[in-house]
C-alpha cells in the first residue's frame, strides 16, 4: 500500500515537472522573440533621463516632478497644440489657396511664416559662412578650429530647460549685414551661383569632397538652405512668444499637405503615451520605417468605434525624413534650435537629414506617429527639387484625408 502510494505521488510529481518544463520552454521562446526588440529601444525609453550628458552639467531629469504634460483650455488645435505654424513661400499662391481650404475644413488658427526665397541675397551670405566655417576644419572633419575633438556646446540642456530669453547666437547672425566682415561681404556679392559644388555634411560635421557622381541629396543647394532658414524662423516665433508656458506645444506644417479628417481623435489617443521630457513628434515622415521600434502603450481606453486596423500609434523615432509636419514641446524647440544654429553644424545639409542625425545620435528625444496623419500631397511643383516635377518618389495615402488623398 505504501509503495503504491509512493509511486502515485511520484507520478504526479513527474507530471507537474513536465508541465512546468513545457511552460518554461514556451516562456523562453517568447522572451527570445521579444527581448531583441526590447533591447533595440532607444535608451531614453528605458530611462527617465535624457540619453546624453553635457560636459560640466548634470543630466536633466525628465521625471514627472519637474516636467508635467498638461494643456491649457486653448490648446485645442488639431487636438494637442497651442500654436500652429504654416511655412510657405509668399509667391506660391497656388499652394496657399489650397491650404486655405484645409484651414477652413479643420478650423485651424495658424500663423503663416513666409519662407525665404532661394534667390534671396541672404542665401549667398549663408553659403559664404558655410565655406568659411569648413575652411577652419581639417579635411576629415573630426576636429574643430582649435584642433580639439568636435563637441556640442556644453549648456544646451540647461538652456533648453530654462525659460530665459533666447538671444541670437551662432548662425542667427549669419544673415545680418552688421556682422558681415569685408571678406564675406565681397564674396557674397557674387551670389549663390558662385558655390555650386558644396556637399552636404554627414554625422556631426564630416564633409566629403565633391564628385559629379554624387546623388542630389548629397549636394547642398539654395532651396535646402532656404528650407532650413524658414523652419528656424518658425521655431523662433514659437520660442519668442510673450507669456510662453513650459507645457506649450507647437505644430509646424509645410504648404503642400493633406491630413486625416479625424486627426484630433488620433492625436488625443496617442498623446498620453508620450514620456515626460519629449522633444519632437513627427506627425508625418518619409523614407524610413518608423515602426522599427515597438509602439508605446496607450494609457487611454480605445473606443469600440475606433477601427483597430487604421488607428494610429506612437513609436520612438528611428530615422525619419521630411519636414512637412512635426510638433515640438517648448523645451524641445529650445534644444533643437541650439543645435541648428551651432556654426559647425548650421546649414550643413538638408534640414530633414539634420533632424534624422540628431535623433539617431541621441541629441533629441523624438517620436513618430504611425501611420502618418499628415502627408505630402505632391500635386504641385516642388520647391526643393525644382527640376523633379512634384518631388521625390515617396508616396503615402491617408485613410480619409481632407483632400481625399
Foldseek 3Di string as FASTA:
>chain_A
DVVVVVVVVVVVVVVVVVVVVVVVVVVVVVCVVPVVLVVPAPPCVVPQWFPDAFPPDGTDGLDCVQFPADDDPCQCQLQGANAEEEEEAPPPVVLVVVVVLVCVLRVHPYHYFHFDALQDLLLLLVVLLLVVQVVLAPLQRQAGNVRHGDDADRCLLVQLSDLDDDDDDFQSCSSPPVPDDPVSVVRSVVGQVVDFFAFFAAFQFGGDGGDPPDDPQGTQGSLLLRVLVRVLVVLVVLSPDPPRDQNGKYKYAYRQKWFASVSSVLCNFAVQQDGGPAFKEFLAFDDDDQPSRPFGDTPDDDDPVDDPVAHKTKGFGDQTFDDGIMMGGSSSSSSVSSSCRHSSRHSRGRPSSVVRSCSNVSSHRYMYIPPRRMDGPLPAADSNCNVPRSDDPIDDAHPQIPVRD
